[in-house]
Protein backbone atom coordinates (compact mmCIF):
# COMPACT_ATOMS: atom_id res chain seq x y z
CA UNK A 1 -57.87 -50.46 -22.49
CA UNK A 2 -54.39 -50.35 -21.05
CA UNK A 3 -54.09 -49.17 -17.72
CA UNK A 4 -51.03 -48.36 -15.76
CA UNK A 5 -49.44 -51.21 -13.88
CA UNK A 6 -49.82 -51.65 -10.26
CA UNK A 7 -46.08 -50.85 -8.69
CA UNK A 8 -46.84 -53.02 -5.75
CA UNK A 9 -46.42 -49.42 -3.82
CA UNK A 10 -50.23 -49.25 -3.16
CA UNK A 11 -50.67 -46.50 -6.23
CA UNK A 12 -54.26 -46.42 -7.39
CA UNK A 13 -54.09 -47.83 -11.26
CA UNK A 14 -55.31 -45.15 -13.71
CA UNK A 15 -59.32 -45.91 -14.23
CA UNK A 16 -60.64 -46.99 -17.81
CA UNK A 17 -62.17 -44.27 -19.78
CA UNK A 18 -65.52 -44.55 -18.11
CA UNK A 19 -64.27 -43.75 -15.03
CA UNK A 20 -62.48 -40.62 -16.63
CA UNK A 21 -65.16 -38.66 -18.34
CA UNK A 22 -64.84 -35.94 -15.84
CA UNK A 23 -61.42 -34.77 -17.30
CA UNK A 24 -63.22 -34.45 -20.73
CA UNK A 25 -66.07 -32.36 -18.91
CA UNK A 26 -63.98 -30.16 -17.03
CA UNK A 27 -61.90 -29.32 -20.37
CA UNK A 28 -64.77 -28.55 -22.45
CA UNK A 29 -66.34 -26.69 -19.46
CA UNK A 30 -63.07 -24.59 -18.95
CA UNK A 31 -63.15 -24.03 -22.89
CA UNK A 32 -66.98 -22.72 -22.95
CA UNK A 33 -66.51 -20.57 -19.98
CA UNK A 34 -63.12 -18.92 -21.20
CA UNK A 35 -64.37 -18.77 -24.53
CA UNK A 36 -67.65 -17.09 -23.42
CA UNK A 37 -65.24 -14.86 -21.21
CA UNK A 38 -63.38 -13.53 -24.28
CA UNK A 39 -66.49 -12.60 -26.05
CA UNK A 40 -67.58 -10.71 -22.79
CA UNK A 41 -64.49 -9.03 -22.74
CA UNK A 42 -64.32 -7.87 -26.32
CA UNK A 43 -68.17 -6.44 -25.91
CA UNK A 44 -67.48 -4.84 -22.47
CA UNK A 45 -64.60 -2.87 -24.43
CA UNK A 46 -66.32 -1.88 -27.16
CA UNK A 47 -70.10 -1.60 -26.69
CA UNK A 48 -70.01 -1.56 -23.18
CA UNK A 49 -71.57 -4.28 -20.60
CA UNK A 50 -74.04 -4.28 -17.71
CA UNK A 51 -73.10 -4.99 -14.28
CA UNK A 52 -73.95 -9.00 -14.38
CA UNK A 53 -71.03 -9.56 -17.00
CA UNK A 54 -68.49 -9.12 -14.73
CA UNK A 55 -69.31 -12.79 -13.54
CA UNK A 56 -68.02 -13.89 -16.92
CA UNK A 57 -64.96 -11.47 -16.91
CA UNK A 58 -61.79 -13.62 -17.87
CA UNK A 59 -59.63 -12.51 -14.94
CA UNK A 60 -62.14 -10.30 -12.63
CA UNK A 61 -62.03 -11.41 -8.75
CA UNK A 62 -64.90 -13.03 -8.29
CA UNK A 63 -65.86 -13.90 -12.04
CA UNK A 64 -66.27 -17.71 -12.92
CA UNK A 65 -63.52 -17.99 -15.18
CA UNK A 66 -61.04 -17.27 -12.09
CA UNK A 67 -63.19 -19.27 -9.63
CA UNK A 68 -62.95 -22.22 -12.19
CA UNK A 69 -59.19 -22.37 -12.09
CA UNK A 70 -59.32 -21.81 -8.33
CA UNK A 71 -61.69 -24.71 -7.61
CA UNK A 72 -59.13 -26.77 -9.56
CA UNK A 73 -56.40 -25.79 -7.07
CA UNK A 74 -59.02 -26.49 -4.03
CA UNK A 75 -59.51 -30.10 -5.41
CA UNK A 76 -55.52 -30.60 -6.22
CA UNK A 77 -55.24 -29.67 -2.31
CA UNK A 78 -57.70 -31.93 -1.44
CA UNK A 79 -56.89 -35.15 -3.12
CA UNK A 80 -53.40 -34.40 -1.69
CA UNK A 81 -54.35 -34.50 1.85
CA UNK A 82 -56.24 -37.60 1.26
CA UNK A 83 -53.19 -38.94 -0.14
CA UNK A 84 -51.24 -37.66 2.97
CA UNK A 85 -53.66 -39.78 5.08
CA UNK A 86 -52.88 -42.73 3.40
CA UNK A 87 -49.11 -42.77 3.42
CA UNK A 88 -46.31 -43.07 6.21
CA UNK A 89 -43.75 -41.28 7.18
CA UNK A 90 -41.28 -39.41 4.44
CA UNK A 91 -43.93 -40.12 1.99
CA UNK A 92 -46.75 -38.32 3.95
CA UNK A 93 -44.47 -35.25 4.05
CA UNK A 94 -44.40 -35.05 0.17
CA UNK A 95 -48.22 -35.06 -0.01
CA UNK A 96 -48.65 -32.26 2.89
CA UNK A 97 -46.33 -29.93 0.92
CA UNK A 98 -48.25 -30.71 -2.51
CA UNK A 99 -51.63 -29.92 -0.38
CA UNK A 100 -49.71 -26.60 1.04
CA UNK A 101 -48.96 -25.72 -2.61
CA UNK A 102 -52.52 -26.04 -3.90
CA UNK A 103 -53.51 -24.15 -1.17
CA UNK A 104 -51.44 -21.45 -1.75
CA UNK A 105 -52.16 -21.34 -5.52
CA UNK A 106 -56.04 -21.52 -4.74
CA UNK A 107 -55.59 -18.38 -2.43
CA UNK A 108 -53.10 -16.63 -4.82
CA UNK A 109 -55.56 -17.32 -7.85
CA UNK A 110 -58.47 -15.99 -5.86
CA UNK A 111 -57.55 -12.89 -4.47
CA UNK A 112 -55.22 -12.17 -7.72
CA UNK A 113 -52.16 -11.75 -5.77
CA UNK A 114 -49.91 -11.65 -9.06
CA UNK A 115 -52.16 -8.91 -10.76
CA UNK A 116 -51.98 -6.59 -7.48
CA UNK A 117 -48.17 -7.14 -7.10
CA UNK A 118 -47.32 -6.58 -10.92
CA UNK A 119 -49.72 -3.11 -10.77
CA UNK A 120 -47.75 -2.24 -7.78
CA UNK A 121 -44.31 -2.62 -9.19
CA UNK A 122 -44.58 -2.80 -13.08
CA UNK A 123 -44.05 -6.41 -13.37
CA UNK A 124 -40.35 -6.89 -13.33
CA UNK A 125 -39.65 -7.36 -9.73
CA UNK A 126 -42.96 -9.40 -9.34
CA UNK A 127 -41.29 -11.89 -12.42
CA UNK A 128 -38.08 -12.21 -10.42
CA UNK A 129 -39.69 -13.14 -7.02
CA UNK A 130 -42.27 -15.18 -8.79
CA UNK A 131 -39.36 -17.13 -10.61
CA UNK A 132 -37.27 -17.34 -7.52
CA UNK A 133 -40.26 -18.66 -5.24
CA UNK A 134 -41.23 -21.32 -8.07
CA UNK A 135 -37.75 -22.56 -8.09
CA UNK A 136 -37.23 -22.91 -4.66
CA UNK A 137 -41.22 -24.42 -4.03
CA UNK A 138 -40.44 -27.25 -7.03
CA UNK A 139 -36.98 -27.98 -5.34
CA UNK A 140 -38.77 -28.70 -1.80
CA UNK A 141 -41.58 -30.76 -3.46
CA UNK A 142 -38.88 -32.61 -5.36
CA UNK A 143 -36.94 -33.42 -2.60
CA UNK A 144 -39.80 -34.44 -0.34
CA UNK A 145 -40.78 -36.58 -2.55
CA UNK A 146 -37.46 -38.23 -3.31
CA UNK A 147 -36.73 -38.84 0.56
CA UNK A 148 -40.10 -40.20 0.39
CA UNK A 149 -39.87 -42.60 -2.61
CA UNK A 150 -43.04 -41.45 -4.16
CA UNK A 151 -43.39 -42.70 -7.37
CA UNK A 152 -45.36 -39.71 -8.66
CA UNK A 153 -42.99 -37.04 -7.61
CA UNK A 154 -41.49 -36.23 -11.08
CA UNK A 155 -44.86 -36.34 -12.63
CA UNK A 156 -46.10 -33.77 -10.07
CA UNK A 157 -43.23 -31.68 -10.02
CA UNK A 158 -43.50 -31.25 -14.05
CA UNK A 159 -47.19 -30.73 -13.89
CA UNK A 160 -46.24 -27.76 -11.28
CA UNK A 161 -43.75 -26.53 -13.60
CA UNK A 162 -46.05 -26.21 -16.58
CA UNK A 163 -48.48 -24.32 -14.24
CA UNK A 164 -45.59 -21.70 -13.72
CA UNK A 165 -45.15 -21.52 -16.97
CA UNK A 166 -48.40 -20.42 -18.16
CA UNK A 167 -48.70 -18.07 -14.94
CA UNK A 168 -45.36 -15.90 -15.36
CA UNK A 169 -44.31 -17.04 -19.08
CA UNK A 170 -47.60 -16.28 -20.97
CA UNK A 171 -47.49 -13.31 -19.00
CA UNK A 172 -44.40 -12.14 -20.09
CA UNK A 173 -45.09 -12.77 -24.11
CA UNK A 174 -48.19 -11.21 -23.81
CA UNK A 175 -46.63 -8.47 -22.32
CA UNK A 176 -43.97 -8.36 -24.99
CA UNK A 177 -46.47 -8.78 -27.63
CA UNK A 178 -48.37 -5.78 -26.37
CA UNK A 179 -45.18 -3.69 -26.22
CA UNK A 180 -44.44 -4.12 -29.50
CA UNK A 181 -47.59 -2.88 -31.21
CA UNK A 182 -47.85 0.69 -31.51
CA UNK A 183 -51.30 0.75 -30.26
CA UNK A 184 -53.16 -1.97 -28.15
CA UNK A 185 -56.91 -2.24 -28.83
CA UNK A 186 -59.52 -4.03 -27.24
CA UNK A 187 -59.27 -7.27 -29.25
CA UNK A 188 -55.31 -7.68 -28.36
CA UNK A 189 -55.93 -6.68 -24.78
CA UNK A 190 -59.00 -9.50 -24.64
CA UNK A 191 -56.98 -11.98 -26.73
CA UNK A 192 -53.96 -11.73 -24.50
CA UNK A 193 -55.89 -12.06 -21.42
CA UNK A 194 -57.65 -15.08 -22.65
CA UNK A 195 -54.65 -16.59 -23.33
CA UNK A 196 -53.14 -15.90 -19.93
CA UNK A 197 -55.75 -17.24 -18.04
CA UNK A 198 -57.04 -20.04 -20.50
CA UNK A 199 -53.26 -21.49 -20.49
CA UNK A 200 -53.58 -21.10 -16.39
CA UNK A 201 -56.89 -23.03 -16.40
CA UNK A 202 -55.56 -26.15 -18.54
CA UNK A 203 -52.18 -26.21 -16.67
CA UNK A 204 -54.13 -26.64 -13.46
CA UNK A 205 -56.30 -29.14 -14.66
CA UNK A 206 -53.26 -30.95 -15.81
CA UNK A 207 -51.69 -30.50 -12.44
CA UNK A 208 -55.44 -32.10 -10.80
CA UNK A 209 -55.37 -35.07 -13.34
CA UNK A 210 -51.55 -35.48 -12.39
CA UNK A 211 -52.47 -35.68 -8.65
CA UNK A 212 -55.57 -37.90 -8.84
CA UNK A 213 -53.32 -40.48 -10.99
CA UNK A 214 -50.60 -41.35 -8.17
CA UNK A 215 -53.31 -40.50 -5.39
CA UNK A 216 -52.36 -44.11 -2.99
CA UNK A 217 -55.21 -46.42 -2.94
CA UNK A 218 -57.01 -46.84 0.60
CA UNK A 219 -55.94 -49.50 2.83
């Protein structure tokens, strides 16, 4: 099987398929978890549901779907911290910034900062602030990576941008679709929530894999 070539910079080559089984496992787990969450959301909106079903609610604070995405960010931050310990000078700054971004995303997802802010201002201000923070954050990560000469800078920035599109863009799209309907039903709300939350989980997994791919090899 083809492997990523060693650039001589100490980067870890991409492992063989037998060593990357965890990626497929996490993808399957995410799909199963969020599909169950979709079914639970539909059931709760039609016939009601017991309190225990809250564990599987798609966007409930403390629910398994939200905790799954949060865990992906936590692991991303930890891996970036490991990379920071294995690098020197400016490259270390890049990985520290990436670790900080992972930690902030984990906290934001765990506490549902975006949903709370959107409910307070109607969504427009939250979207603009989120867009501004995203652009600034990506610029800082890109600059740090460029100064540190980190080979994986572009890939990490792109992966972060994908998550931002999922977190902000999908919310806008589903909001427009809901506004275009004369009456928003249970299935529409459940479907929109599934698209948003599952999209965030998938792009969070992409970010995790990207960071893992570019963690420097231990010395």
